[in-house]
Amino acid sequence: MAFETSDPTAGSPGLTGVRAVKLLVAGGFGVGKTTLVTAVSEIKPLRTEERLSAIGAGVDDLTGVERKTTTTVALDFGRITINQDVVLYLFGTPGQDRFWFMWRELSVGALGAVVLADTRRLDDSFGSIDFFESREIPFIVAVNCFDGAEVYDEEEVRLALDLEAHVPVQLCDVRDRDSSKRVLVRLLEHLMTVATAGATASRW
């Protein structure tokens, strides 16, 4: 089933004519990356999850995600068709520090990223944010609103993460397909804004 939204690439110098758009879904351990990819993918997503072991439990911080029993060890992969010209390919990154070597490979060719955040573990977001900022990959921050977690507005999250004013922040529930779709639309809108600003700057 096609992604039901208006064409987000219309008039965008950075996206017009692009048939395959690679996007990353990143964030800390247990923040909901696999859930987001699974919620929106039009195909059965590729998942490389393994059960958490007693050894891993001693390394991974399970605070706030005590019920989590599996972890992504390589990547998640899903696909979404925007229209006949544009297809999104989603790559979910592993969340633990010991798998960060995968991020460098996954980031090659990526046009943008979603950094998923959990307000109970906001510190886990800084590594992802630093990664994309250092590589100048445009990103947005999507706050996954877990049941029972404190709810903060977008500006409070922006201040807590020390984000620049142009980086969008959006609250979401990645278990909900429509909510996850809105996150991706927000990212595409941000990519269009960045591409347009770059094209304008180049003319000067």
Protein backbone atom coordinates (compact mmCIF):
# COMPACT_ATOMS: atom_id res chain seq x y z
CA MET A 1 0.00 0.00 0.00
CA ALA A 2 1.35 3.41 -0.92
CA PHE A 3 2.17 6.00 1.71
CA GLU A 4 -0.89 8.25 1.78
CA THR A 5 0.33 11.82 1.73
CA SER A 6 0.87 14.61 -0.75
CA ASP A 7 4.06 14.42 -2.77
CA PRO A 8 6.73 15.65 -0.32
CA THR A 9 9.35 15.93 -3.05
CA ALA A 10 7.54 18.43 -5.26
CA GLY A 11 9.74 21.45 -5.92
CA SER A 12 12.61 20.11 -3.84
CA PRO A 13 16.02 20.41 -5.53
CA GLY A 14 17.41 17.80 -3.14
CA LEU A 15 14.76 15.14 -3.64
CA THR A 16 13.18 15.70 -7.06
CA GLY A 17 13.87 12.75 -9.34
CA VAL A 18 15.25 10.61 -6.55
CA ARG A 19 13.75 7.12 -6.76
CA ALA A 20 15.42 5.52 -3.74
CA VAL A 21 15.66 7.58 -0.55
CA LYS A 22 17.72 6.05 2.25
CA LEU A 23 16.74 7.13 5.77
CA LEU A 24 18.11 6.02 9.12
CA VAL A 25 16.15 5.44 12.32
CA ALA A 26 18.54 5.83 15.23
CA GLY A 27 18.52 6.30 18.98
CA GLY A 28 19.44 4.63 22.23
CA PHE A 29 18.85 1.07 23.37
CA GLY A 30 15.16 0.12 23.66
CA VAL A 31 13.82 3.43 22.35
CA GLY A 32 11.51 1.92 19.71
CA LYS A 33 13.48 1.86 16.46
CA THR A 34 12.41 -1.65 15.47
CA THR A 35 8.82 -0.85 16.40
CA LEU A 36 8.76 2.25 14.16
CA VAL A 37 10.20 0.42 11.15
CA THR A 38 7.76 -2.45 11.66
CA ALA A 39 4.78 -0.09 12.06
CA VAL A 40 5.27 1.69 8.73
CA SER A 41 6.94 -0.83 6.43
CA GLU A 42 4.81 -2.04 3.52
CA ILE A 43 6.87 -5.23 3.37
CA LYS A 44 7.71 -7.68 6.10
CA PRO A 45 10.67 -5.89 7.68
CA LEU A 46 14.06 -7.50 7.93
CA ARG A 47 14.92 -7.71 11.61
CA THR A 48 18.21 -8.89 13.12
CA GLU A 49 17.15 -9.30 16.72
CA GLU A 50 18.63 -11.64 19.29
CA ARG A 51 17.43 -12.44 22.77
CA LEU A 52 19.13 -10.54 25.55
CA SER A 53 21.54 -12.76 27.42
CA ALA A 54 22.64 -12.63 31.03
CA ILE A 55 26.00 -11.33 29.81
CA GLY A 56 24.35 -8.59 27.75
CA ALA A 57 22.13 -7.60 30.66
CA GLY A 58 25.27 -6.80 32.59
CA VAL A 59 26.40 -4.42 29.85
CA ASP A 60 23.16 -2.84 28.60
CA ASP A 61 21.28 -0.37 30.79
CA LEU A 62 17.70 -1.68 31.06
CA THR A 63 16.42 1.22 33.14
CA GLY A 64 12.95 2.06 31.86
CA VAL A 65 12.88 -0.92 29.50
CA GLU A 66 13.04 -3.77 31.98
CA ARG A 67 10.56 -5.83 29.93
CA LYS A 68 12.72 -5.75 26.80
CA THR A 69 13.83 -9.28 25.88
CA THR A 70 15.48 -8.79 22.47
CA THR A 71 17.92 -6.39 20.88
CA THR A 72 18.91 -5.42 17.33
CA VAL A 73 22.44 -6.60 16.60
CA ALA A 74 22.87 -5.39 13.01
CA LEU A 75 19.97 -3.47 11.47
CA ASP A 76 16.25 -3.28 10.80
CA PHE A 77 15.11 -2.73 7.24
CA GLY A 78 11.76 -1.61 5.86
CA ARG A 79 10.34 0.00 2.72
CA ILE A 80 7.62 2.58 2.04
CA THR A 81 6.38 3.70 -1.38
CA ILE A 82 5.63 7.41 -1.51
CA ASN A 83 4.52 7.45 -5.14
CA GLN A 84 5.58 5.90 -8.45
CA ASP A 85 8.80 7.92 -8.40
CA VAL A 86 9.92 7.82 -4.77
CA VAL A 87 10.50 4.91 -2.42
CA LEU A 88 11.81 5.25 1.12
CA TYR A 89 14.20 2.64 2.47
CA LEU A 90 14.40 2.66 6.26
CA PHE A 91 17.43 1.35 8.12
CA GLY A 92 17.13 1.00 11.88
CA THR A 93 20.46 1.13 13.67
CA PRO A 94 21.50 -0.95 16.68
CA GLY A 95 21.27 1.00 19.92
CA GLN A 96 24.15 -0.30 22.03
CA ASP A 97 27.54 1.37 21.99
CA ARG A 98 29.31 -1.88 21.16
CA PHE A 99 27.53 -1.99 17.77
CA TRP A 100 28.39 1.56 16.75
CA PHE A 101 30.82 0.35 14.09
CA MET A 102 27.67 -0.54 12.10
CA TRP A 103 26.54 3.08 12.07
CA ARG A 104 29.36 4.22 9.81
CA GLU A 105 28.41 1.64 7.19
CA LEU A 106 24.68 2.27 7.47
CA SER A 107 25.08 6.05 7.16
CA VAL A 108 26.70 5.85 3.71
CA GLY A 109 24.25 7.35 1.21
CA ALA A 110 21.66 8.34 3.81
CA LEU A 111 19.79 11.55 3.06
CA GLY A 112 18.43 12.01 6.57
CA ALA A 113 17.65 10.43 9.91
CA VAL A 114 15.16 10.17 12.72
CA VAL A 115 16.66 10.23 16.21
CA LEU A 116 14.19 8.52 18.52
CA ALA A 117 14.27 9.73 22.11
CA ASP A 118 12.81 8.50 25.38
CA THR A 119 12.25 11.21 28.01
CA ARG A 120 13.18 8.71 30.73
CA ARG A 121 16.60 8.26 29.12
CA LEU A 122 17.29 11.48 27.21
CA ASP A 123 21.03 11.15 27.72
CA ASP A 124 20.95 8.16 25.36
CA SER A 125 20.09 10.55 22.50
CA PHE A 126 23.27 12.60 22.59
CA GLY A 127 25.43 9.99 20.84
CA SER A 128 23.04 9.81 17.86
CA ILE A 129 22.72 13.59 17.66
CA ASP A 130 26.50 14.05 17.73
CA PHE A 131 26.92 11.36 15.06
CA PHE A 132 24.62 13.04 12.56
CA GLU A 133 25.79 16.56 13.33
CA SER A 134 29.42 15.57 12.79
CA ARG A 135 28.53 14.04 9.40
CA GLU A 136 26.18 16.87 8.43
CA ILE A 137 23.30 14.45 7.89
CA PRO A 138 19.98 16.29 8.45
CA PHE A 139 17.86 14.78 11.19
CA ILE A 140 14.80 15.33 13.35
CA VAL A 141 14.18 14.22 16.92
CA ALA A 142 11.06 12.14 17.52
CA VAL A 143 10.10 11.64 21.17
CA ASN A 144 8.51 8.24 21.70
CA CYS A 145 5.85 8.80 24.36
CA PHE A 146 6.04 5.64 26.46
CA ASP A 147 3.17 4.72 28.77
CA GLY A 148 3.77 6.19 32.19
CA ALA A 149 6.64 8.43 31.09
CA GLU A 150 6.66 12.13 31.88
CA VAL A 151 5.31 14.15 28.96
CA TYR A 152 7.25 17.24 27.90
CA ASP A 153 6.48 19.63 25.08
CA GLU A 154 8.70 20.00 22.04
CA GLU A 155 10.45 23.13 23.28
CA GLU A 156 11.34 21.51 26.61
CA VAL A 157 12.88 18.58 24.74
CA ARG A 158 14.78 20.96 22.46
CA LEU A 159 16.29 22.77 25.45
CA ALA A 160 17.15 19.52 27.25
CA LEU A 161 18.97 18.17 24.18
CA ASP A 162 20.54 21.55 23.31
CA LEU A 163 19.25 21.30 19.74
CA GLU A 164 19.71 24.04 17.19
CA ALA A 165 16.57 25.96 16.32
CA HIS A 166 16.25 24.46 12.84
CA VAL A 167 16.11 20.83 14.07
CA PRO A 168 12.45 19.71 14.26
CA VAL A 169 11.14 17.91 17.35
CA GLN A 170 7.99 15.80 17.24
CA LEU A 171 6.11 13.77 19.84
CA CYS A 172 4.96 10.35 18.66
CA ASP A 173 3.85 6.85 19.56
CA VAL A 174 5.81 4.49 17.32
CA ARG A 175 3.33 1.66 17.97
CA ASP A 176 0.79 3.63 15.96
CA ARG A 177 1.24 3.50 12.18
CA ASP A 178 -0.22 6.96 11.54
CA SER A 179 1.93 8.52 14.25
CA SER A 180 5.06 6.91 12.81
CA LYS A 181 4.09 8.04 9.30
CA ARG A 182 3.80 11.62 10.55
CA VAL A 183 7.36 11.38 11.87
CA LEU A 184 8.62 10.41 8.41
CA VAL A 185 6.60 13.17 6.73
CA ARG A 186 8.16 15.65 9.17
CA LEU A 187 11.61 14.37 8.25
CA LEU A 188 10.92 14.69 4.51
CA GLU A 189 9.66 18.24 5.03
CA HIS A 190 12.86 19.01 6.91
CA LEU A 191 14.98 17.54 4.11
CA MET A 192 13.15 19.74 1.60
CA THR A 193 13.80 22.81 3.75
CA VAL A 194 17.49 21.97 4.06
CA ALA A 195 17.78 21.29 0.32
CA THR A 196 16.03 24.52 -0.58
CA ALA A 197 18.23 26.52 1.77
CA GLY A 198 21.33 24.93 0.28
CA ALA A 199 20.20 25.69 -3.27
CA THR A 200 19.51 29.31 -2.34
CA ALA A 201 22.89 29.69 -0.66
CA SER A 202 24.69 28.24 -3.68
CA ARG A 203 23.16 30.89 -5.93
CA TRP A 204 24.76 33.58 -3.79
